[in-house]
Amino acid sequence: MEYDKSQRRTNKAGPSETERSVMAKILIAEDDEKIGDNARNPKIIETVWGAEYRLNG
């Protein structure tokens, strides 16, 4: 059986887990940039995956 692009199923459930993870990383990087924090060595807000953010103070 040959695969035809017109037979491809569409993902009606929304973005995949990988796509959501990439979107989250982009949003976090943008937040870090807005507050002037370094994402690799955060001084102000630390991102904790699965638990949102932690304020370093």
PDB file of N, CA and C in Angstrom:
ATOM      1  N   MET A   1       0.850  -1.184   0.000  1.00  0.00           N
ATOM      2  CA  MET A   1       0.000   0.000   0.000  1.00  0.00           C
ATOM      3  C   MET A   1       0.886   1.235   0.000  1.00  0.00           C
ATOM      4  N   GLU A   2       0.614   2.127  -0.917  1.00  0.00           N
ATOM      5  CA  GLU A   2       1.382   3.368  -0.993  1.00  0.00           C
ATOM      6  C   GLU A   2       0.741   4.436  -0.118  1.00  0.00           C
ATOM      7  N   TYR A   3       1.590   5.286   0.401  1.00  0.00           N
ATOM      8  CA  TYR A   3       1.125   6.377   1.245  1.00  0.00           C
ATOM      9  C   TYR A   3       0.920   7.609   0.390  1.00  0.00           C
ATOM     10  N   ASP A   4      -0.240   8.214   0.517  1.00  0.00           N
ATOM     11  CA  ASP A   4      -0.580   9.419  -0.230  1.00  0.00           C
ATOM     12  C   ASP A   4      -0.801  10.556   0.768  1.00  0.00           C
ATOM     13  N   LYS A   5      -0.222  11.714   0.500  1.00  0.00           N
ATOM     14  CA  LYS A   5      -0.352  12.845   1.420  1.00  0.00           C
ATOM     15  C   LYS A   5      -1.802  13.216   1.681  1.00  0.00           C
ATOM     16  N   SER A   6      -2.675  12.997   0.721  1.00  0.00           N
ATOM     17  CA  SER A   6      -4.087  13.336   0.912  1.00  0.00           C
ATOM     18  C   SER A   6      -4.756  12.398   1.914  1.00  0.00           C
ATOM     19  N   GLN A   7      -4.125  11.260   2.205  1.00  0.00           N
ATOM     20  CA  GLN A   7      -4.681  10.308   3.159  1.00  0.00           C
ATOM     21  C   GLN A   7      -4.170  10.545   4.583  1.00  0.00           C
ATOM     22  N   ARG A   8      -3.271  11.481   4.734  1.00  0.00           N
ATOM     23  CA  ARG A   8      -2.675  11.764   6.039  1.00  0.00           C
ATOM     24  C   ARG A   8      -3.746  12.255   7.017  1.00  0.00           C
ATOM     25  N   ARG A   9      -3.691  11.721   8.223  1.00  0.00           N
ATOM     26  CA  ARG A   9      -4.641  12.156   9.245  1.00  0.00           C
ATOM     27  C   ARG A   9      -4.183  13.488   9.834  1.00  0.00           C
ATOM     28  N   THR A  10      -5.134  14.322  10.166  1.00  0.00           N
ATOM     29  CA  THR A  10      -4.786  15.599  10.784  1.00  0.00           C
ATOM     30  C   THR A  10      -4.859  15.458  12.290  1.00  0.00           C
ATOM     31  N   ASN A  11      -4.043  16.228  12.971  1.00  0.00           N
ATOM     32  CA  ASN A  11      -4.012  16.202  14.428  1.00  0.00           C
ATOM     33  C   ASN A  11      -5.014  17.220  14.947  1.00  0.00           C
ATOM     34  N   LYS A  12      -6.185  16.753  15.318  1.00  0.00           N
ATOM     35  CA  LYS A  12      -7.243  17.654  15.781  1.00  0.00           C
ATOM     36  C   LYS A  12      -7.157  17.899  17.283  1.00  0.00           C
ATOM     37  N   ALA A  13      -6.247  17.219  17.947  1.00  0.00           N
ATOM     38  CA  ALA A  13      -6.118  17.362  19.391  1.00  0.00           C
ATOM     39  C   ALA A  13      -5.225  18.538  19.772  1.00  0.00           C
ATOM     40  N   GLY A  14      -4.642  19.220  18.811  1.00  0.00           N
ATOM     41  CA  GLY A  14      -3.760  20.344  19.101  1.00  0.00           C
ATOM     42  C   GLY A  14      -2.306  19.938  18.957  1.00  0.00           C
ATOM     43  N   PRO A  15      -1.411  20.783  19.454  1.00  0.00           N
ATOM     44  CA  PRO A  15       0.019  20.514  19.296  1.00  0.00           C
ATOM     45  C   PRO A  15       0.445  19.279  20.083  1.00  0.00           C
ATOM     46  N   SER A  16       1.471  18.614  19.582  1.00  0.00           N
ATOM     47  CA  SER A  16       2.008  17.434  20.255  1.00  0.00           C
ATOM     48  C   SER A  16       2.770  17.862  21.511  1.00  0.00           C
ATOM     49  N   GLU A  17       3.154  16.888  22.303  1.00  0.00           N
ATOM     50  CA  GLU A  17       3.908  17.186  23.525  1.00  0.00           C
ATOM     51  C   GLU A  17       5.233  17.866  23.193  1.00  0.00           C
ATOM     52  N   THR A  18       5.880  17.428  22.130  1.00  0.00           N
ATOM     53  CA  THR A  18       7.143  18.038  21.705  1.00  0.00           C
ATOM     54  C   THR A  18       6.924  19.484  21.283  1.00  0.00           C
ATOM     55  N   GLU A  19       5.870  19.727  20.520  1.00  0.00           N
ATOM     56  CA  GLU A  19       5.574  21.096  20.086  1.00  0.00           C
ATOM     57  C   GLU A  19       5.252  21.992  21.273  1.00  0.00           C
ATOM     58  N   ARG A  20       4.516  21.468  22.255  1.00  0.00           N
ATOM     59  CA  ARG A  20       4.204  22.265  23.453  1.00  0.00           C
ATOM     60  C   ARG A  20       5.469  22.575  24.239  1.00  0.00           C
ATOM     61  N   SER A  21       6.389  21.616  24.315  1.00  0.00           N
ATOM     62  CA  SER A  21       7.644  21.825  25.020  1.00  0.00           C
ATOM     63  C   SER A  21       8.478  22.922  24.354  1.00  0.00           C
ATOM     64  N   VAL A  22       8.540  22.902  23.025  1.00  0.00           N
ATOM     65  CA  VAL A  22       9.283  23.916  22.283  1.00  0.00           C
ATOM     66  C   VAL A  22       8.646  25.287  22.489  1.00  0.00           C
ATOM     67  N   MET A  23       7.316  25.351  22.435  1.00  0.00           N
ATOM     68  CA  MET A  23       6.629  26.628  22.643  1.00  0.00           C
ATOM     69  C   MET A  23       6.903  27.165  24.045  1.00  0.00           C
ATOM     70  N   ALA A  24       6.905  26.279  25.041  1.00  0.00           N
ATOM     71  CA  ALA A  24       7.179  26.703  26.416  1.00  0.00           C
ATOM     72  C   ALA A  24       8.595  27.250  26.548  1.00  0.00           C
ATOM     73  N   LYS A  25       9.569  26.584  25.931  1.00  0.00           N
ATOM     74  CA  LYS A  25      10.958  27.048  25.991  1.00  0.00           C
ATOM     75  C   LYS A  25      11.108  28.429  25.363  1.00  0.00           C
ATOM     76  N   ILE A  26      10.400  28.655  24.268  1.00  0.00           N
ATOM     77  CA  ILE A  26      10.462  29.963  23.604  1.00  0.00           C
ATOM     78  C   ILE A  26       9.861  31.039  24.503  1.00  0.00           C
ATOM     79  N   LEU A  27       8.715  30.748  25.100  1.00  0.00           N
ATOM     80  CA  LEU A  27       8.064  31.728  25.978  1.00  0.00           C
ATOM     81  C   LEU A  27       8.925  32.023  27.202  1.00  0.00           C
ATOM     82  N   ILE A  28       9.548  31.020  27.766  1.00  0.00           N
ATOM     83  CA  ILE A  28      10.419  31.215  28.929  1.00  0.00           C
ATOM     84  C   ILE A  28      11.624  32.065  28.549  1.00  0.00           C
ATOM     85  N   ALA A  29      12.218  31.798  27.394  1.00  0.00           N
ATOM     86  CA  ALA A  29      13.365  32.591  26.937  1.00  0.00           C
ATOM     87  C   ALA A  29      12.968  34.049  26.732  1.00  0.00           C
ATOM     88  N   GLU A  30      11.769  34.269  26.195  1.00  0.00           N
ATOM     89  CA  GLU A  30      11.294  35.645  26.003  1.00  0.00           C
ATOM     90  C   GLU A  30      11.080  36.334  27.344  1.00  0.00           C
ATOM     91  N   ASP A  31      10.534  35.608  28.331  1.00  0.00           N
ATOM     92  CA  ASP A  31      10.345  36.188  29.672  1.00  0.00           C
ATOM     93  C   ASP A  31      11.688  36.557  30.291  1.00  0.00           C
ATOM     94  N   ASP A  32      12.667  35.653  30.180  1.00  0.00           N
ATOM     95  CA  ASP A  32      13.999  35.932  30.723  1.00  0.00           C
ATOM     96  C   ASP A  32      14.596  37.181  30.081  1.00  0.00           C
ATOM     97  N   GLU A  33      14.424  37.313  28.777  1.00  0.00           N
ATOM     98  CA  GLU A  33      14.957  38.475  28.064  1.00  0.00           C
ATOM     99  C   GLU A  33      14.277  39.766  28.528  1.00  0.00           C
ATOM    100  N   LYS A  34      12.970  39.711  28.747  1.00  0.00           N
ATOM    101  CA  LYS A  34      12.220  40.903  29.166  1.00  0.00           C
ATOM    102  C   LYS A  34      12.690  41.424  30.516  1.00  0.00           C
ATOM    103  N   ILE A  35      13.002  40.517  31.447  1.00  0.00           N
ATOM    104  CA  ILE A  35      13.404  40.970  32.778  1.00  0.00           C
ATOM    105  C   ILE A  35      14.914  41.127  32.914  1.00  0.00           C
ATOM    106  N   GLY A  36      15.641  40.803  31.837  1.00  0.00           N
ATOM    107  CA  GLY A  36      17.082  40.977  31.846  1.00  0.00           C
ATOM    108  C   GLY A  36      17.826  39.893  32.603  1.00  0.00           C
ATOM    109  N   ASP A  37      17.240  38.700  32.673  1.00  0.00           N
ATOM    110  CA  ASP A  37      17.876  37.592  33.378  1.00  0.00           C
ATOM    111  C   ASP A  37      18.565  36.677  32.370  1.00  0.00           C
ATOM    112  N   ASN A  38      19.605  35.999  32.817  1.00  0.00           N
ATOM    113  CA  ASN A  38      20.344  35.059  31.986  1.00  0.00           C
ATOM    114  C   ASN A  38      19.705  33.676  32.148  1.00  0.00           C
ATOM    115  N   ALA A  39      19.203  33.102  31.063  1.00  0.00           N
ATOM    116  CA  ALA A  39      18.509  31.814  31.123  1.00  0.00           C
ATOM    117  C   ALA A  39      19.422  30.682  31.579  1.00  0.00           C
ATOM    118  N   ARG A  40      20.711  30.745  31.267  1.00  0.00           N
ATOM    119  CA  ARG A  40      21.638  29.672  31.643  1.00  0.00           C
ATOM    120  C   ARG A  40      22.077  29.765  33.103  1.00  0.00           C
ATOM    121  N   ASN A  41      22.051  30.968  33.659  1.00  0.00           N
ATOM    122  CA  ASN A  41      22.434  31.176  35.055  1.00  0.00           C
ATOM    123  C   ASN A  41      21.481  32.209  35.662  1.00  0.00           C
ATOM    124  N   PRO A  42      20.242  31.796  35.931  1.00  0.00           N
ATOM    125  CA  PRO A  42      19.233  32.763  36.379  1.00  0.00           C
ATOM    126  C   PRO A  42      19.519  33.329  37.767  1.00  0.00           C
ATOM    127  N   LYS A  43      19.392  34.625  37.872  1.00  0.00           N
ATOM    128  CA  LYS A  43      19.581  35.310  39.153  1.00  0.00           C
ATOM    129  C   LYS A  43      18.241  35.722  39.756  1.00  0.00           C
ATOM    130  N   ILE A  44      17.245  35.986  38.910  1.00  0.00           N
ATOM    131  CA  ILE A  44      15.972  36.509  39.380  1.00  0.00           C
ATOM    132  C   ILE A  44      14.899  35.426  39.455  1.00  0.00           C
ATOM    133  N   ILE A  45      14.609  34.811  38.319  1.00  0.00           N
ATOM    134  CA  ILE A  45      13.569  33.791  38.250  1.00  0.00           C
ATOM    135  C   ILE A  45      14.149  32.519  37.656  1.00  0.00           C
ATOM    136  N   GLU A  46      14.002  31.414  38.390  1.00  0.00           N
ATOM    137  CA  GLU A  46      14.477  30.113  37.922  1.00  0.00           C
ATOM    138  C   GLU A  46      13.286  29.319  37.403  1.00  0.00           C
ATOM    139  N   THR A  47      13.429  28.709  36.235  1.00  0.00           N
ATOM    140  CA  THR A  47      12.378  27.887  35.663  1.00  0.00           C
ATOM    141  C   THR A  47      12.518  26.474  36.199  1.00  0.00           C
ATOM    142  N   VAL A  48      11.441  25.964  36.792  1.00  0.00           N
ATOM    143  CA  VAL A  48      11.414  24.602  37.309  1.00  0.00           C
ATOM    144  C   VAL A  48      10.390  23.847  36.480  1.00  0.00           C
ATOM    145  N   TRP A  49      10.867  22.931  35.607  1.00  0.00           N
ATOM    146  CA  TRP A  49       9.961  22.205  34.723  1.00  0.00           C
ATOM    147  C   TRP A  49       8.969  21.391  35.532  1.00  0.00           C
ATOM    148  N   GLY A  50       7.693  21.580  35.205  1.00  0.00           N
ATOM    149  CA  GLY A  50       6.622  20.875  35.896  1.00  0.00           C
ATOM    150  C   GLY A  50       6.121  21.602  37.122  1.00  0.00           C
ATOM    151  N   ALA A  51       6.831  22.657  37.538  1.00  0.00           N
ATOM    152  CA  ALA A  51       6.423  23.389  38.731  1.00  0.00           C
ATOM    153  C   ALA A  51       6.415  24.900  38.509  1.00  0.00           C
ATOM    154  N   GLU A  52       6.461  25.326  37.261  1.00  0.00           N
ATOM    155  CA  GLU A  52       6.425  26.749  36.902  1.00  0.00           C
ATOM    156  C   GLU A  52       7.745  27.455  37.194  1.00  0.00           C
ATOM    157  N   TYR A  53       7.703  28.519  37.998  1.00  0.00           N
ATOM    158  CA  TYR A  53       8.881  29.348  38.253  1.00  0.00           C
ATOM    159  C   TYR A  53       9.178  29.405  39.748  1.00  0.00           C
ATOM    160  N   ARG A  54      10.447  29.702  40.064  1.00  0.00           N
ATOM    161  CA  ARG A  54      10.848  29.907  41.450  1.00  0.00           C
ATOM    162  C   ARG A  54      11.565  31.253  41.527  1.00  0.00           C
ATOM    163  N   LEU A  55      11.145  32.096  42.445  1.00  0.00           N
ATOM    164  CA  LEU A  55      11.749  33.415  42.622  1.00  0.00           C
ATOM    165  C   LEU A  55      12.995  33.288  43.474  1.00  0.00           C
ATOM    166  N   ASN A  56      14.124  33.701  42.913  1.00  0.00           N
ATOM    167  CA  ASN A  56      15.383  33.693  43.661  1.00  0.00           C
ATOM    168  C   ASN A  56      15.572  35.076  44.258  1.00  0.00           C
ATOM    169  N   GLY A  57      15.642  35.153  45.532  1.00  0.00           N
ATOM    170  CA  GLY A  57      15.745  36.470  46.127  1.00  0.00           C
ATOM    171  C   GLY A  57      16.570  36.529  47.279  1.00  0.00           C
TER     172      GLY A  57
END
